[in-house]
Protein backbone atom coordinates (compact mmCIF):
# COMPACT_ATOMS: atom_id res chain seq x y z
CA MET A 1 30.92 -23.63 -8.35
CA ASN A 2 27.53 -24.26 -6.67
CA THR A 3 27.01 -23.65 -3.18
CA ARG A 4 27.46 -26.85 -1.96
CA SER A 5 30.85 -26.60 -3.08
CA LYS A 6 31.89 -23.43 -1.96
CA ILE A 7 30.63 -24.86 1.95
CA LEU A 8 32.59 -27.98 1.49
CA LEU A 9 35.74 -26.48 0.07
CA THR A 10 35.08 -23.31 2.91
CA ILE A 11 35.11 -25.83 5.51
CA THR A 12 38.15 -27.93 3.95
CA SER A 13 40.23 -24.94 4.55
CA ILE A 14 38.98 -24.15 7.77
CA ILE A 15 39.99 -27.71 9.31
CA PHE A 16 43.25 -27.12 7.70
CA LEU A 17 43.65 -23.87 9.33
CA TYR A 18 42.90 -25.67 12.64
CA ALA A 19 45.39 -28.42 11.65
CA ILE A 20 48.18 -25.81 11.23
CA LEU A 21 47.26 -23.83 14.41
CA LEU A 22 47.24 -26.88 16.18
CA LEU A 23 50.45 -28.50 14.87
CA PHE A 24 52.54 -25.65 15.80
CA SER A 25 51.73 -25.75 19.59
CA ASP A 26 52.42 -27.58 22.43
CA ILE A 27 51.15 -31.29 21.30
CA GLU A 28 50.88 -32.27 24.99
CA LYS A 29 50.26 -29.10 26.29
CA ILE A 30 46.55 -29.17 23.94
CA TYR A 31 45.87 -32.80 25.01
CA ASN A 32 46.25 -31.88 28.80
CA LYS A 33 43.94 -29.57 28.00
CA LEU A 34 41.14 -31.71 26.13
CA ILE A 35 41.91 -34.43 28.71
CA ASP A 36 40.93 -31.79 31.63
CA PHE A 37 37.66 -30.42 29.86
CA LYS A 38 35.37 -29.99 32.94
CA ILE A 39 32.37 -31.25 31.26
CA GLU A 40 30.17 -30.03 34.01
CA PHE A 41 30.37 -26.41 32.04
CA LEU A 42 28.99 -27.64 28.90
CA PRO A 43 25.09 -27.31 29.67
CA ILE A 44 25.64 -24.01 30.69
CA ILE A 45 27.64 -23.49 27.44
CA LEU A 46 24.97 -24.98 25.72
CA VAL A 47 22.47 -23.28 26.74
CA LEU A 48 24.01 -19.88 26.94
CA SER A 49 24.97 -19.78 23.13
CA PRO A 50 20.88 -20.14 21.76
CA LEU A 51 20.30 -17.38 24.70
CA ALA A 52 22.54 -14.97 22.11
CA TRP A 53 20.80 -16.26 18.90
CA PHE A 54 17.02 -15.27 20.63
CA LEU A 55 18.28 -11.71 21.70
CA VAL A 56 19.39 -10.82 18.22
CA TYR A 57 16.58 -12.77 16.66
CA ILE A 58 14.10 -10.35 18.38
CA ARG A 59 16.32 -7.26 16.71
CA TRP A 60 15.42 -8.93 13.59
CA TYR A 61 12.10 -9.45 14.26
CA LEU A 62 11.56 -5.59 15.63
CA LEU A 63 12.95 -4.82 12.63
CA LEU A 64 10.83 -6.22 10.29
CA GLN A 65 7.74 -5.15 12.31
CA ASN A 66 9.14 -1.22 12.31
CA LEU A 67 8.77 -1.54 8.43
CA GLY A 68 5.47 -2.90 8.59
CA ILE A 69 6.50 -6.43 7.68
CA LYS A 70 4.84 -9.05 9.38
CA ILE A 71 6.16 -12.78 9.62
CA PRO A 72 4.74 -16.13 11.96
CA HIS A 73 7.49 -16.29 15.12
CA LYS A 74 7.82 -19.94 13.90
CA ASN A 75 8.97 -19.18 10.24
CA ASN A 76 10.53 -16.39 11.04
CA PHE A 77 12.74 -17.71 13.59
CA LEU A 78 13.48 -20.73 11.25
CA ILE A 79 14.68 -18.51 8.49
CA PHE A 80 17.12 -16.52 10.32
CA LEU A 81 18.66 -19.81 12.60
CA GLY A 82 18.88 -21.23 8.48
CA SER A 83 20.22 -18.11 7.53
CA ALA A 84 23.38 -18.86 10.16
CA ALA A 85 24.40 -22.09 8.06
CA LEU A 86 25.31 -20.19 4.87
CA GLY A 87 27.35 -17.40 6.97
CA ILE A 88 30.68 -19.17 6.20
CA THR A 89 30.37 -19.47 2.44
CA PRO A 90 32.35 -17.08 0.24
CA GLY A 91 30.35 -14.26 -0.21
CA LYS A 92 28.82 -14.35 2.61
CA VAL A 93 25.66 -15.65 0.53
CA GLY A 94 24.12 -16.47 4.06
CA GLU A 95 23.64 -12.84 4.91
CA LEU A 96 21.61 -12.38 2.07
CA LEU A 97 19.71 -15.98 2.81
CA LYS A 98 17.33 -14.33 4.71
CA SER A 99 15.90 -11.86 2.47
CA GLN A 100 15.40 -14.37 -0.57
CA PHE A 101 13.31 -16.97 1.42
CA LEU A 102 11.12 -13.86 2.93
CA LYS A 103 11.20 -13.25 -0.76
CA GLU A 104 10.15 -16.45 -2.20
CA LYS A 105 8.16 -17.36 1.16
CA PHE A 106 6.32 -14.28 2.08
CA GLY A 107 6.66 -11.98 -0.60
CA VAL A 108 8.53 -9.58 0.58
CA GLU A 109 10.53 -7.30 -1.32
CA ARG A 110 13.94 -7.46 -1.14
CA THR A 111 14.66 -3.30 -1.38
CA LYS A 112 12.77 -3.76 2.23
CA THR A 113 15.41 -6.62 4.43
CA VAL A 114 18.62 -6.48 2.37
CA PRO A 115 19.02 -2.70 4.33
CA LEU A 116 17.84 -4.71 7.14
CA ILE A 117 20.92 -7.21 7.22
CA PHE A 118 23.04 -4.18 7.00
CA VAL A 119 21.44 -1.97 9.56
CA GLU A 120 22.04 -5.43 12.08
CA LYS A 121 25.62 -5.13 11.26
CA PHE A 122 25.18 -1.20 12.03
CA TYR A 123 24.25 -1.98 15.53
CA ASP A 124 26.40 -4.94 16.25
CA VAL A 125 29.79 -2.62 15.43
CA ILE A 126 27.84 0.37 18.04
CA SER A 127 26.95 -2.04 20.33
CA ALA A 128 30.48 -3.60 20.19
CA VAL A 129 32.25 -0.32 20.73
CA ILE A 130 29.65 0.82 23.59
CA ILE A 131 30.26 -2.20 25.50
CA SER A 132 33.85 -2.61 25.27
CA PHE A 133 34.62 0.80 26.13
CA PHE A 134 36.14 -0.04 29.89
CA GLY A 135 37.82 -2.53 28.91
CA ILE A 136 40.01 -0.69 27.00
CA TRP A 137 41.41 1.05 30.03
CA TYR A 138 42.55 -2.12 30.96
CA PHE A 139 43.81 -3.86 27.56
CA GLN A 140 44.90 -0.56 25.93
CA GLU A 141 46.57 -2.87 22.52
CA ALA A 142 42.60 -3.51 21.65
CA ALA A 143 41.69 0.40 21.52
CA TYR A 144 43.27 0.68 18.27
CA ILE A 145 40.69 -1.73 16.89
CA ILE A 146 38.18 -0.49 19.00
CA ILE A 147 38.56 3.66 17.91
CA GLY A 148 38.81 2.67 14.57
CA ALA A 149 35.54 0.31 14.71
CA ALA A 150 34.48 3.84 16.13
CA VAL A 151 35.67 6.40 13.43
CA SER A 152 33.59 4.00 11.17
CA ILE A 153 30.33 4.32 12.98
CA VAL A 154 30.71 8.22 12.28
CA ILE A 155 31.83 7.82 8.51
CA ILE A 156 28.74 5.31 8.00
CA SER A 157 26.58 8.04 10.04
CA MET A 158 27.61 10.85 7.70
CA LEU A 159 26.88 8.67 4.00
CA ILE A 160 23.59 8.11 5.38
CA SER A 161 22.56 11.03 6.73
CA SER A 162 21.45 12.87 2.78
CA GLN A 163 19.95 10.75 0.32
CA SER A 164 22.44 12.45 -2.46
CA THR A 165 25.58 11.30 -0.49
CA PHE A 166 23.99 7.43 0.13
CA ASP A 167 23.29 7.17 -3.17
CA LYS A 168 26.50 8.57 -4.74
CA THR A 169 28.51 5.88 -1.98
CA VAL A 170 26.12 2.92 -3.66
CA HIS A 171 26.73 3.88 -7.19
CA ILE A 172 30.02 3.91 -6.52
CA PHE A 173 30.83 0.67 -4.82
CA GLY A 174 27.96 -0.58 -7.09
CA LYS A 175 30.63 -1.01 -9.85
CA PHE A 176 32.78 -3.74 -8.15
CA SER A 177 31.57 -7.18 -8.93
CA PHE A 178 32.19 -7.92 -5.36
CA THR A 179 29.87 -5.48 -3.93
CA LYS A 180 27.37 -5.41 -6.83
CA LYS A 181 24.51 -8.02 -5.48
CA PHE A 182 24.96 -6.74 -2.16
CA LEU A 183 24.12 -3.32 -2.98
CA ASP A 184 21.83 -3.51 -5.96
CA PRO A 185 18.97 -3.86 -3.57
CA LEU A 186 19.71 -0.90 -1.48
CA SER A 187 19.46 1.37 -4.29
CA GLU A 188 16.08 2.03 -3.35
CA SER A 189 16.21 1.68 -0.06
CA TYR A 190 17.28 4.58 1.44
CA GLU A 191 14.18 5.42 3.48
CA TYR A 192 13.71 1.68 5.02
CA ILE A 193 17.36 2.52 5.89
CA ARG A 194 16.07 5.78 7.43
CA LYS A 195 13.47 4.54 8.90
CA SER A 196 15.43 1.80 10.73
CA LEU A 197 17.68 3.87 12.22
CA ARG A 198 15.14 5.97 14.08
CA TRP A 199 15.41 6.62 17.64
CA LYS A 200 13.11 4.15 18.71
CA ILE A 201 14.25 0.92 17.12
CA ALA A 202 17.68 1.92 17.47
CA ILE A 203 17.69 1.80 21.23
CA LEU A 204 15.67 -1.08 21.41
CA SER A 205 18.49 -2.78 18.74
CA VAL A 206 21.58 -1.78 20.95
CA SER A 207 19.72 -3.36 23.83
CA LEU A 208 19.47 -6.11 22.24
CA SER A 209 22.75 -6.19 20.84
CA ILE A 210 24.76 -4.81 23.59
CA GLY A 211 22.93 -7.98 25.48
CA TYR A 212 24.13 -10.39 23.06
CA TRP A 213 27.89 -9.64 23.34
CA LEU A 214 27.12 -10.05 27.00
CA VAL A 215 25.66 -13.56 26.83
CA ILE A 216 28.43 -14.77 24.03
CA SER A 217 31.46 -13.08 26.27
CA LEU A 218 29.98 -15.25 29.30
CA VAL A 219 30.14 -18.32 27.14
CA VAL A 220 33.96 -17.44 26.18
CA TYR A 221 33.70 -17.26 29.88
CA PHE A 222 32.77 -20.42 30.84
CA VAL A 223 34.87 -21.99 28.02
CA MET A 224 37.79 -20.33 30.14
CA LEU A 225 36.32 -22.20 33.18
CA ALA A 226 35.87 -25.47 30.95
CA LEU A 227 39.40 -25.81 30.33
CA ASN A 228 40.78 -25.32 33.35
CA ILE A 229 41.94 -21.38 32.29
CA ASP A 230 41.96 -18.03 34.65
CA PRO A 231 39.39 -16.51 33.47
CA LEU A 232 40.00 -12.53 32.32
CA ASP A 233 38.34 -9.43 33.88
CA PHE A 234 34.66 -9.81 32.52
CA GLY A 235 35.35 -6.29 30.92
CA VAL A 236 38.87 -6.93 29.24
CA LEU A 237 37.30 -10.50 28.17
CA ILE A 238 34.66 -8.53 26.41
CA THR A 239 36.95 -6.17 24.90
CA THR A 240 39.34 -8.92 23.40
CA TYR A 241 36.08 -10.74 21.91
CA THR A 242 34.25 -7.58 20.41
CA SER A 243 38.23 -6.77 18.39
CA SER A 244 39.05 -9.99 17.24
CA LEU A 245 35.05 -10.79 15.69
CA ILE A 246 35.31 -6.45 14.23
CA LEU A 247 38.59 -7.53 12.28
CA GLY A 248 37.05 -10.70 11.05
CA ALA A 249 34.28 -8.82 10.06
CA VAL A 250 36.39 -6.06 7.87
CA SER A 251 38.50 -8.94 6.53
CA PHE A 252 34.70 -9.82 4.39
CA LEU A 253 36.04 -13.78 4.95
CA PRO A 254 33.03 -16.19 5.48
CA GLY A 255 32.74 -16.08 9.33
CA GLY A 256 35.93 -14.16 9.64
CA ILE A 257 37.63 -17.87 9.59
CA GLY A 258 41.59 -17.35 9.77
CA VAL A 259 41.57 -13.58 10.87
CA THR A 260 39.16 -13.81 13.81
CA GLU A 261 41.44 -16.87 15.06
CA GLY A 262 44.55 -15.26 14.50
CA THR A 263 43.47 -12.15 16.22
CA LEU A 264 42.02 -13.65 19.25
CA VAL A 265 44.78 -16.11 19.81
CA GLY A 266 47.13 -12.56 19.70
CA LEU A 267 45.83 -11.06 22.13
CA PHE A 268 45.22 -13.77 24.73
CA ASN A 269 48.78 -13.68 24.20
CA LEU A 270 49.25 -10.53 25.15
CA GLN A 271 47.15 -11.24 28.06
CA ASN A 272 49.97 -13.65 29.42
CA ILE A 273 48.18 -16.71 27.91
CA ASP A 274 50.36 -18.92 26.45
CA ILE A 275 50.12 -19.45 22.35
CA SER A 276 49.34 -23.27 22.86
CA THR A 277 46.56 -22.81 25.37
CA ALA A 278 45.47 -20.34 23.58
CA VAL A 279 45.02 -22.25 20.63
CA VAL A 280 42.58 -24.58 21.98
CA LEU A 281 40.74 -21.83 23.81
CA VAL A 282 40.13 -19.99 20.56
CA VAL A 283 38.88 -23.38 18.70
CA PHE A 284 36.48 -23.94 21.97
CA ILE A 285 35.13 -20.83 21.23
CA ARG A 286 34.93 -20.99 17.65
CA ILE A 287 33.39 -24.21 18.20
CA PHE A 288 30.86 -23.81 20.79
CA ILE A 289 29.29 -20.09 18.98
CA LEU A 290 30.10 -20.03 15.38
CA TRP A 291 30.16 -23.69 14.51
CA TYR A 292 27.10 -24.32 16.70
CA SER A 293 24.98 -22.22 15.18
CA VAL A 294 26.19 -23.34 11.66
CA ILE A 295 25.11 -26.34 12.67
CA VAL A 296 22.00 -25.30 13.78
CA GLY A 297 21.17 -23.68 10.67
CA PHE A 298 22.46 -26.77 8.65
CA VAL A 299 19.40 -28.47 10.50
CA SER A 300 16.79 -25.65 10.30
CA LEU A 301 17.21 -25.75 6.10
CA LYS A 302 17.14 -29.76 6.23
CA ASN A 303 13.94 -30.27 8.19
CA SER A 304 12.22 -26.91 7.65
CA LYS A 305 9.30 -27.04 5.73
CA VAL A 306 9.81 -23.34 4.80
CA PHE A 307 12.65 -23.93 2.94
CA SER A 308 10.98 -26.50 0.67
């Protein structure tokens, strides 16, 4: 099955999933929420999402600079946006797209850039744990997810603490066909990973990642306002949203589809938002955060000369 077929299959499956979610909800309540959507909040939402992308792009740019890789901003940003388009494909092809294009267009070895994709995810989890910490005290149901993520950070830190441990881990997971394509480029990348985790670049990357989570959580906040839903306390809102994304990431499904939505609906329901309202809220959140970036990514792939 080629990439286009995989994308079409994924999108079809997602539409089916959303249809099922809406079908088992209160249709009248959903209809009322859609009719009452406050359009005045739309420009704010549409501006905040790209601002969040820009923050993680700056992180990507700094990580490249840290390894002595210099790519013109225009090309680099388009590559960064384009990778989001394929983030929904099975096997997470989009996660490797940045590295593939940098190799094809600028001759940058994948052994340098593939590790940065994993480093980015590592910083995402660290910043999610940091920013969610205070919300745990008010929403203890999410504490298990955040604590699990914190434990994962410790385990990963131990695995990369020495090259021999790192090499053994890569060798073990490299035996599985699903992980082999991700881990092959890592076998010669230990020094690049260690360099990308040094204190100076780590502090900058975590700070930008925290900024990303703050802005994305603001998007969720304004979506709630647009749907005339009383917004949660901002600390609790951050904890709720990051928890659902962490579980979605652990699922290894494209975009965390299904797991993220189901978790988020459940977590909202635990905070006294009825299921039907939570379903509408989650669908809108995913449209303005995940699908907005996917659409922009496809436009970048189609119109940019860097991908020709």
